[in-house]
Amino acid sequence: MTQKTSNYITKLRNSKLRPTKQRIKICEALFDRSETFHFTIRDLYNLLTNNLVHKISLATVYNTVHAFKNSGYLKQINIDSNNNYFDTNTSHHHHFFDETNNELIDLKNEDIKKIELKKIIPGKKIKSVEVLVKIEPE
């Protein structure tokens, strides 16, 4: 067993999932990358089913992604009520969303000046502020 496979099994078990061949393939698609990966569940499912010899169900992809999100391995970015993207970069950062290409693009914290909020909610504190900038062609 390789170190990568061992790491994937640990992530799966930490997410309360049994390490199956299909779930390890999901891990490879998500975490065996040099750059951040932004995706919808349908995008990931299509990527996996186009490259897999073993069958994998949409439900397995959905459940695995949500288990990883709940365990802190993925971040969910809600674009609108119909579009939920996931991000392998779980740090606090911002995004551009290209509405033409349906593409999420990282925007570094240093590219945005300090954000000042004028409204607070009594009994609540701000956990984080993340900006989503929607873009389209000029």
N, C-alpha and C. Protein backbone atom coordinates (compact mmCIF):
# COMPACT_ATOMS: atom_id res chain seq x y z
N MET A 1 0.85 -1.18 0.00
CA MET A 1 0.00 0.00 0.00
C MET A 1 0.89 1.25 0.00
N THR A 2 0.56 2.20 -0.86
CA THR A 2 1.35 3.42 -0.95
C THR A 2 0.98 4.38 0.18
N GLN A 3 1.84 5.38 0.39
CA GLN A 3 1.56 6.40 1.41
C GLN A 3 0.30 7.18 1.07
N LYS A 4 0.12 7.48 -0.23
CA LYS A 4 -1.09 8.20 -0.65
C LYS A 4 -2.34 7.40 -0.33
N THR A 5 -2.32 6.12 -0.65
CA THR A 5 -3.48 5.27 -0.38
C THR A 5 -3.74 5.21 1.12
N SER A 6 -2.70 5.12 1.91
CA SER A 6 -2.83 5.12 3.36
C SER A 6 -3.47 6.42 3.85
N ASN A 7 -3.06 7.55 3.27
CA ASN A 7 -3.65 8.84 3.63
C ASN A 7 -5.13 8.90 3.25
N TYR A 8 -5.48 8.34 2.10
CA TYR A 8 -6.87 8.32 1.66
C TYR A 8 -7.72 7.47 2.60
N ILE A 9 -7.18 6.33 3.00
CA ILE A 9 -7.91 5.45 3.93
C ILE A 9 -8.13 6.18 5.27
N THR A 10 -7.13 6.91 5.72
CA THR A 10 -7.26 7.68 6.96
C THR A 10 -8.36 8.74 6.81
N LYS A 11 -8.37 9.47 5.69
CA LYS A 11 -9.41 10.48 5.47
C LYS A 11 -10.79 9.84 5.44
N LEU A 12 -10.90 8.72 4.78
CA LEU A 12 -12.19 8.03 4.71
C LEU A 12 -12.65 7.60 6.10
N ARG A 13 -11.76 6.98 6.85
CA ARG A 13 -12.13 6.52 8.20
C ARG A 13 -12.44 7.70 9.12
N ASN A 14 -11.67 8.79 9.00
CA ASN A 14 -11.96 9.99 9.80
C ASN A 14 -13.32 10.59 9.45
N SER A 15 -13.78 10.30 8.23
CA SER A 15 -15.08 10.80 7.77
C SER A 15 -16.18 9.77 8.00
N LYS A 16 -15.85 8.73 8.76
CA LYS A 16 -16.79 7.64 9.10
C LYS A 16 -17.28 6.89 7.86
N LEU A 17 -16.36 6.70 6.91
CA LEU A 17 -16.66 5.95 5.70
C LEU A 17 -15.74 4.74 5.59
N ARG A 18 -16.29 3.65 5.08
CA ARG A 18 -15.51 2.44 4.84
C ARG A 18 -14.68 2.63 3.58
N PRO A 19 -13.38 2.34 3.62
CA PRO A 19 -12.54 2.52 2.44
C PRO A 19 -12.81 1.44 1.38
N THR A 20 -13.55 1.80 0.36
CA THR A 20 -13.82 0.89 -0.76
C THR A 20 -12.99 1.34 -1.97
N LYS A 21 -12.91 0.50 -2.99
CA LYS A 21 -12.17 0.87 -4.20
C LYS A 21 -12.74 2.16 -4.80
N GLN A 22 -14.07 2.25 -4.81
CA GLN A 22 -14.71 3.43 -5.39
C GLN A 22 -14.37 4.69 -4.59
N ARG A 23 -14.41 4.61 -3.29
CA ARG A 23 -14.11 5.79 -2.46
C ARG A 23 -12.64 6.18 -2.55
N ILE A 24 -11.76 5.22 -2.68
CA ILE A 24 -10.34 5.54 -2.86
C ILE A 24 -10.13 6.24 -4.21
N LYS A 25 -10.88 5.83 -5.23
CA LYS A 25 -10.82 6.51 -6.53
C LYS A 25 -11.33 7.95 -6.39
N ILE A 26 -12.36 8.17 -5.58
CA ILE A 26 -12.85 9.53 -5.32
C ILE A 26 -11.74 10.34 -4.66
N CYS A 27 -11.06 9.75 -3.69
CA CYS A 27 -9.94 10.44 -3.02
C CYS A 27 -8.85 10.81 -4.01
N GLU A 28 -8.51 9.90 -4.89
CA GLU A 28 -7.48 10.18 -5.89
C GLU A 28 -7.89 11.37 -6.76
N ALA A 29 -9.15 11.39 -7.18
CA ALA A 29 -9.64 12.49 -8.02
C ALA A 29 -9.63 13.82 -7.28
N LEU A 30 -9.89 13.78 -5.99
CA LEU A 30 -9.97 15.02 -5.20
C LEU A 30 -8.61 15.50 -4.71
N PHE A 31 -7.81 14.60 -4.18
CA PHE A 31 -6.64 15.00 -3.40
C PHE A 31 -5.29 14.73 -4.06
N ASP A 32 -5.27 14.03 -5.18
CA ASP A 32 -4.00 13.77 -5.86
C ASP A 32 -3.79 14.84 -6.93
N ARG A 33 -3.64 16.09 -6.47
CA ARG A 33 -3.54 17.25 -7.36
C ARG A 33 -2.51 18.22 -6.80
N SER A 34 -1.91 18.97 -7.70
CA SER A 34 -0.95 19.99 -7.25
C SER A 34 -1.65 21.32 -7.01
N GLU A 35 -2.85 21.51 -7.57
CA GLU A 35 -3.59 22.76 -7.41
C GLU A 35 -4.96 22.51 -6.81
N THR A 36 -5.55 23.58 -6.33
CA THR A 36 -6.92 23.53 -5.79
C THR A 36 -7.87 22.99 -6.86
N PHE A 37 -8.83 22.20 -6.42
CA PHE A 37 -9.83 21.62 -7.32
C PHE A 37 -11.20 22.14 -6.90
N HIS A 38 -11.87 22.83 -7.82
CA HIS A 38 -13.24 23.30 -7.62
C HIS A 38 -14.15 22.42 -8.47
N PHE A 39 -15.25 21.96 -7.91
CA PHE A 39 -16.10 21.03 -8.64
C PHE A 39 -17.52 21.00 -8.09
N THR A 40 -18.45 20.58 -8.93
CA THR A 40 -19.78 20.22 -8.47
C THR A 40 -19.78 18.70 -8.33
N ILE A 41 -20.76 18.18 -7.65
CA ILE A 41 -20.84 16.72 -7.51
C ILE A 41 -21.02 16.08 -8.88
N ARG A 42 -21.81 16.70 -9.75
CA ARG A 42 -22.01 16.16 -11.09
C ARG A 42 -20.70 16.17 -11.88
N ASP A 43 -19.91 17.26 -11.76
CA ASP A 43 -18.59 17.32 -12.43
C ASP A 43 -17.70 16.16 -11.98
N LEU A 44 -17.64 15.95 -10.67
CA LEU A 44 -16.80 14.89 -10.13
C LEU A 44 -17.29 13.52 -10.59
N TYR A 45 -18.59 13.32 -10.55
CA TYR A 45 -19.17 12.05 -11.01
C TYR A 45 -18.81 11.79 -12.48
N ASN A 46 -18.95 12.82 -13.32
CA ASN A 46 -18.61 12.66 -14.74
C ASN A 46 -17.13 12.35 -14.93
N LEU A 47 -16.28 13.03 -14.19
CA LEU A 47 -14.84 12.77 -14.25
C LEU A 47 -14.54 11.32 -13.87
N LEU A 48 -15.16 10.86 -12.80
CA LEU A 48 -14.91 9.50 -12.32
C LEU A 48 -15.44 8.44 -13.27
N THR A 49 -16.65 8.64 -13.77
CA THR A 49 -17.25 7.60 -14.62
C THR A 49 -16.62 7.57 -16.00
N ASN A 50 -15.99 8.67 -16.43
CA ASN A 50 -15.29 8.66 -17.72
C ASN A 50 -13.95 7.95 -17.63
N ASN A 51 -13.38 7.86 -16.41
CA ASN A 51 -12.04 7.30 -16.25
C ASN A 51 -11.98 6.02 -15.43
N LEU A 52 -13.11 5.49 -15.04
CA LEU A 52 -13.11 4.34 -14.13
C LEU A 52 -13.45 3.04 -14.85
N VAL A 53 -12.78 2.00 -14.44
CA VAL A 53 -13.15 0.65 -14.88
C VAL A 53 -14.25 0.13 -13.96
N HIS A 54 -14.13 0.45 -12.65
CA HIS A 54 -15.13 0.03 -11.68
C HIS A 54 -16.32 0.97 -11.75
N LYS A 55 -17.50 0.43 -11.52
CA LYS A 55 -18.70 1.27 -11.51
C LYS A 55 -18.75 2.05 -10.21
N ILE A 56 -19.33 3.23 -10.29
CA ILE A 56 -19.51 4.06 -9.11
C ILE A 56 -20.85 4.77 -9.26
N SER A 57 -21.59 4.86 -8.19
CA SER A 57 -22.90 5.49 -8.27
C SER A 57 -22.81 6.97 -7.89
N LEU A 58 -23.76 7.73 -8.41
CA LEU A 58 -23.85 9.15 -8.06
C LEU A 58 -24.06 9.29 -6.56
N ALA A 59 -24.82 8.39 -5.96
CA ALA A 59 -25.07 8.44 -4.51
C ALA A 59 -23.77 8.26 -3.72
N THR A 60 -22.90 7.37 -4.17
CA THR A 60 -21.61 7.18 -3.49
C THR A 60 -20.77 8.45 -3.57
N VAL A 61 -20.75 9.08 -4.73
CA VAL A 61 -20.00 10.33 -4.89
C VAL A 61 -20.60 11.40 -3.98
N TYR A 62 -21.91 11.55 -4.01
CA TYR A 62 -22.61 12.55 -3.19
C TYR A 62 -22.31 12.33 -1.70
N ASN A 63 -22.51 11.12 -1.24
CA ASN A 63 -22.31 10.82 0.19
C ASN A 63 -20.85 11.00 0.61
N THR A 64 -19.92 10.61 -0.24
CA THR A 64 -18.50 10.75 0.09
C THR A 64 -18.10 12.21 0.15
N VAL A 65 -18.52 13.00 -0.83
CA VAL A 65 -18.21 14.44 -0.84
C VAL A 65 -18.77 15.11 0.41
N HIS A 66 -20.00 14.82 0.76
CA HIS A 66 -20.61 15.45 1.94
C HIS A 66 -19.95 14.98 3.24
N ALA A 67 -19.54 13.73 3.29
CA ALA A 67 -18.82 13.26 4.48
C ALA A 67 -17.48 13.98 4.60
N PHE A 68 -16.77 14.17 3.49
CA PHE A 68 -15.51 14.92 3.51
C PHE A 68 -15.74 16.37 3.90
N LYS A 69 -16.81 16.95 3.42
CA LYS A 69 -17.12 18.34 3.79
C LYS A 69 -17.38 18.43 5.30
N ASN A 70 -18.17 17.51 5.81
CA ASN A 70 -18.50 17.51 7.24
C ASN A 70 -17.28 17.26 8.11
N SER A 71 -16.27 16.58 7.57
CA SER A 71 -15.03 16.31 8.32
C SER A 71 -13.98 17.39 8.12
N GLY A 72 -14.28 18.40 7.29
CA GLY A 72 -13.35 19.50 7.10
C GLY A 72 -12.33 19.30 6.00
N TYR A 73 -12.47 18.26 5.18
CA TYR A 73 -11.53 18.03 4.08
C TYR A 73 -11.91 18.80 2.82
N LEU A 74 -13.16 19.24 2.73
CA LEU A 74 -13.64 20.02 1.61
C LEU A 74 -14.45 21.20 2.12
N LYS A 75 -14.51 22.25 1.33
CA LYS A 75 -15.33 23.41 1.65
C LYS A 75 -16.43 23.52 0.60
N GLN A 76 -17.64 23.83 1.04
CA GLN A 76 -18.76 24.02 0.11
C GLN A 76 -18.94 25.51 -0.15
N ILE A 77 -19.09 25.85 -1.42
CA ILE A 77 -19.35 27.24 -1.82
C ILE A 77 -20.69 27.27 -2.55
N ASN A 78 -21.64 27.98 -1.97
CA ASN A 78 -22.96 28.08 -2.56
C ASN A 78 -23.00 29.28 -3.50
N ILE A 79 -23.15 29.03 -4.76
CA ILE A 79 -23.19 30.09 -5.77
C ILE A 79 -24.59 30.70 -5.79
N ASP A 80 -25.59 29.87 -5.84
CA ASP A 80 -26.99 30.27 -5.75
C ASP A 80 -27.77 29.03 -5.34
N SER A 81 -29.09 29.11 -5.36
CA SER A 81 -29.89 27.98 -4.87
C SER A 81 -29.74 26.72 -5.72
N ASN A 82 -29.23 26.86 -6.94
CA ASN A 82 -29.07 25.70 -7.83
C ASN A 82 -27.65 25.21 -7.99
N ASN A 83 -26.67 26.00 -7.56
CA ASN A 83 -25.27 25.66 -7.80
C ASN A 83 -24.47 25.61 -6.51
N ASN A 84 -24.00 24.42 -6.17
CA ASN A 84 -23.11 24.22 -5.03
C ASN A 84 -21.80 23.66 -5.55
N TYR A 85 -20.74 24.39 -5.28
CA TYR A 85 -19.41 23.93 -5.66
C TYR A 85 -18.68 23.49 -4.39
N PHE A 86 -17.67 22.66 -4.59
CA PHE A 86 -16.82 22.23 -3.49
C PHE A 86 -15.40 22.59 -3.85
N ASP A 87 -14.58 22.78 -2.80
CA ASP A 87 -13.22 23.28 -2.97
C ASP A 87 -12.30 22.44 -2.09
N THR A 88 -11.19 21.98 -2.66
CA THR A 88 -10.23 21.21 -1.86
C THR A 88 -9.37 22.12 -0.99
N ASN A 89 -9.40 23.43 -1.25
CA ASN A 89 -8.69 24.40 -0.40
C ASN A 89 -9.66 24.84 0.69
N THR A 90 -9.45 24.37 1.90
CA THR A 90 -10.39 24.64 2.99
C THR A 90 -10.04 25.89 3.80
N SER A 91 -8.99 26.61 3.40
CA SER A 91 -8.63 27.83 4.12
C SER A 91 -9.65 28.93 3.77
N HIS A 92 -9.69 29.98 4.60
CA HIS A 92 -10.55 31.12 4.31
C HIS A 92 -9.94 31.89 3.15
N HIS A 93 -10.68 31.95 2.05
CA HIS A 93 -10.25 32.71 0.89
C HIS A 93 -11.48 33.06 0.06
N HIS A 94 -11.28 33.85 -0.97
CA HIS A 94 -12.36 34.39 -1.77
C HIS A 94 -12.36 33.76 -3.16
N HIS A 95 -13.43 34.04 -3.91
CA HIS A 95 -13.56 33.45 -5.25
C HIS A 95 -14.17 34.42 -6.25
N PHE A 96 -13.75 34.26 -7.49
CA PHE A 96 -14.49 34.75 -8.64
C PHE A 96 -15.34 33.58 -9.11
N PHE A 97 -16.54 33.88 -9.61
CA PHE A 97 -17.33 32.85 -10.28
C PHE A 97 -17.63 33.34 -11.68
N ASP A 98 -17.07 32.66 -12.67
CA ASP A 98 -17.28 32.99 -14.07
C ASP A 98 -18.60 32.36 -14.50
N GLU A 99 -19.62 33.22 -14.65
CA GLU A 99 -20.96 32.72 -14.97
C GLU A 99 -21.06 32.16 -16.38
N THR A 100 -20.18 32.58 -17.27
CA THR A 100 -20.20 32.08 -18.65
C THR A 100 -19.70 30.64 -18.71
N ASN A 101 -18.61 30.37 -18.00
CA ASN A 101 -17.99 29.04 -18.03
C ASN A 101 -18.33 28.18 -16.83
N ASN A 102 -19.14 28.71 -15.90
CA ASN A 102 -19.45 28.00 -14.65
C ASN A 102 -18.17 27.53 -13.99
N GLU A 103 -17.25 28.47 -13.81
CA GLU A 103 -15.94 28.15 -13.25
C GLU A 103 -15.69 28.99 -12.00
N LEU A 104 -15.24 28.33 -10.96
CA LEU A 104 -14.86 28.98 -9.71
C LEU A 104 -13.35 29.18 -9.72
N ILE A 105 -12.91 30.41 -9.43
CA ILE A 105 -11.49 30.77 -9.50
C ILE A 105 -11.08 31.39 -8.17
N ASP A 106 -9.98 30.90 -7.59
CA ASP A 106 -9.51 31.45 -6.31
C ASP A 106 -9.14 32.91 -6.44
N LEU A 107 -9.46 33.65 -5.40
CA LEU A 107 -9.09 35.06 -5.27
C LEU A 107 -8.40 35.17 -3.92
N LYS A 108 -7.15 35.57 -3.93
CA LYS A 108 -6.35 35.60 -2.70
C LYS A 108 -6.84 36.68 -1.74
N ASN A 109 -6.67 36.41 -0.46
CA ASN A 109 -7.07 37.38 0.57
C ASN A 109 -6.41 38.73 0.37
N GLU A 110 -5.14 38.73 -0.04
CA GLU A 110 -4.42 40.00 -0.21
C GLU A 110 -4.92 40.80 -1.41
N ASP A 111 -5.76 40.20 -2.26
CA ASP A 111 -6.33 40.92 -3.40
C ASP A 111 -7.59 41.70 -3.03
N ILE A 112 -7.99 41.61 -1.78
CA ILE A 112 -9.18 42.32 -1.29
C ILE A 112 -8.78 43.16 -0.09
N LYS A 113 -9.18 44.42 -0.11
CA LYS A 113 -8.90 45.29 1.03
C LYS A 113 -9.75 44.87 2.22
N LYS A 114 -9.43 45.40 3.37
CA LYS A 114 -10.16 45.08 4.60
C LYS A 114 -11.66 45.33 4.41
N ILE A 115 -12.44 44.38 4.85
CA ILE A 115 -13.90 44.48 4.76
C ILE A 115 -14.43 44.92 6.11
N GLU A 116 -15.24 45.97 6.10
CA GLU A 116 -15.84 46.45 7.34
C GLU A 116 -17.35 46.28 7.25
N LEU A 117 -17.89 45.56 8.21
CA LEU A 117 -19.33 45.34 8.25
C LEU A 117 -19.96 46.34 9.23
N LYS A 118 -21.04 46.96 8.81
CA LYS A 118 -21.71 47.95 9.65
C LYS A 118 -22.81 47.33 10.50
N LYS A 119 -23.23 46.15 10.16
CA LYS A 119 -24.31 45.49 10.90
C LYS A 119 -23.75 44.28 11.64
N ILE A 120 -24.21 44.09 12.86
CA ILE A 120 -23.88 42.89 13.62
C ILE A 120 -25.17 42.24 14.07
N ILE A 121 -25.09 41.01 14.41
CA ILE A 121 -26.26 40.28 14.90
C ILE A 121 -26.02 40.01 16.38
N PRO A 122 -26.88 40.53 17.24
CA PRO A 122 -26.70 40.35 18.68
C PRO A 122 -26.58 38.87 19.06
N GLY A 123 -25.61 38.58 19.90
CA GLY A 123 -25.39 37.21 20.37
C GLY A 123 -24.59 36.36 19.39
N LYS A 124 -24.14 36.95 18.30
CA LYS A 124 -23.36 36.21 17.30
C LYS A 124 -22.04 36.93 17.05
N LYS A 125 -21.02 36.15 16.69
CA LYS A 125 -19.76 36.74 16.29
C LYS A 125 -19.43 36.26 14.88
N ILE A 126 -18.66 37.05 14.18
CA ILE A 126 -18.29 36.71 12.81
C ILE A 126 -17.23 35.62 12.84
N LYS A 127 -17.51 34.53 12.17
CA LYS A 127 -16.56 33.42 12.07
C LYS A 127 -15.58 33.67 10.93
N SER A 128 -16.10 34.10 9.77
CA SER A 128 -15.25 34.41 8.63
C SER A 128 -16.05 35.25 7.65
N VAL A 129 -15.33 35.91 6.77
CA VAL A 129 -15.94 36.66 5.68
C VAL A 129 -15.28 36.18 4.41
N GLU A 130 -16.09 35.68 3.50
CA GLU A 130 -15.57 35.21 2.22
C GLU A 130 -16.38 35.86 1.12
N VAL A 131 -15.69 36.47 0.17
CA VAL A 131 -16.32 37.21 -0.90
C VAL A 131 -16.43 36.33 -2.13
N LEU A 132 -17.61 36.38 -2.77
CA LEU A 132 -17.83 35.71 -4.04
C LEU A 132 -18.14 36.80 -5.07
N VAL A 133 -17.28 36.93 -6.07
CA VAL A 133 -17.43 37.95 -7.10
C VAL A 133 -17.87 37.24 -8.38
N LYS A 134 -19.08 37.52 -8.84
CA LYS A 134 -19.56 36.91 -10.08
C LYS A 134 -19.11 37.76 -11.25
N ILE A 135 -18.56 37.10 -12.28
CA ILE A 135 -18.05 37.80 -13.45
C ILE A 135 -18.70 37.26 -14.72
N GLU A 136 -18.69 38.14 -15.75
CA GLU A 136 -19.21 37.78 -17.07
C GLU A 136 -18.40 38.53 -18.11
N PRO A 137 -18.55 38.17 -19.38
CA PRO A 137 -17.79 38.88 -20.42
C PRO A 137 -18.18 40.36 -20.48
N GLU A 138 -17.24 41.18 -20.90
CA GLU A 138 -17.50 42.63 -21.04
C GLU A 138 -18.40 42.88 -22.23
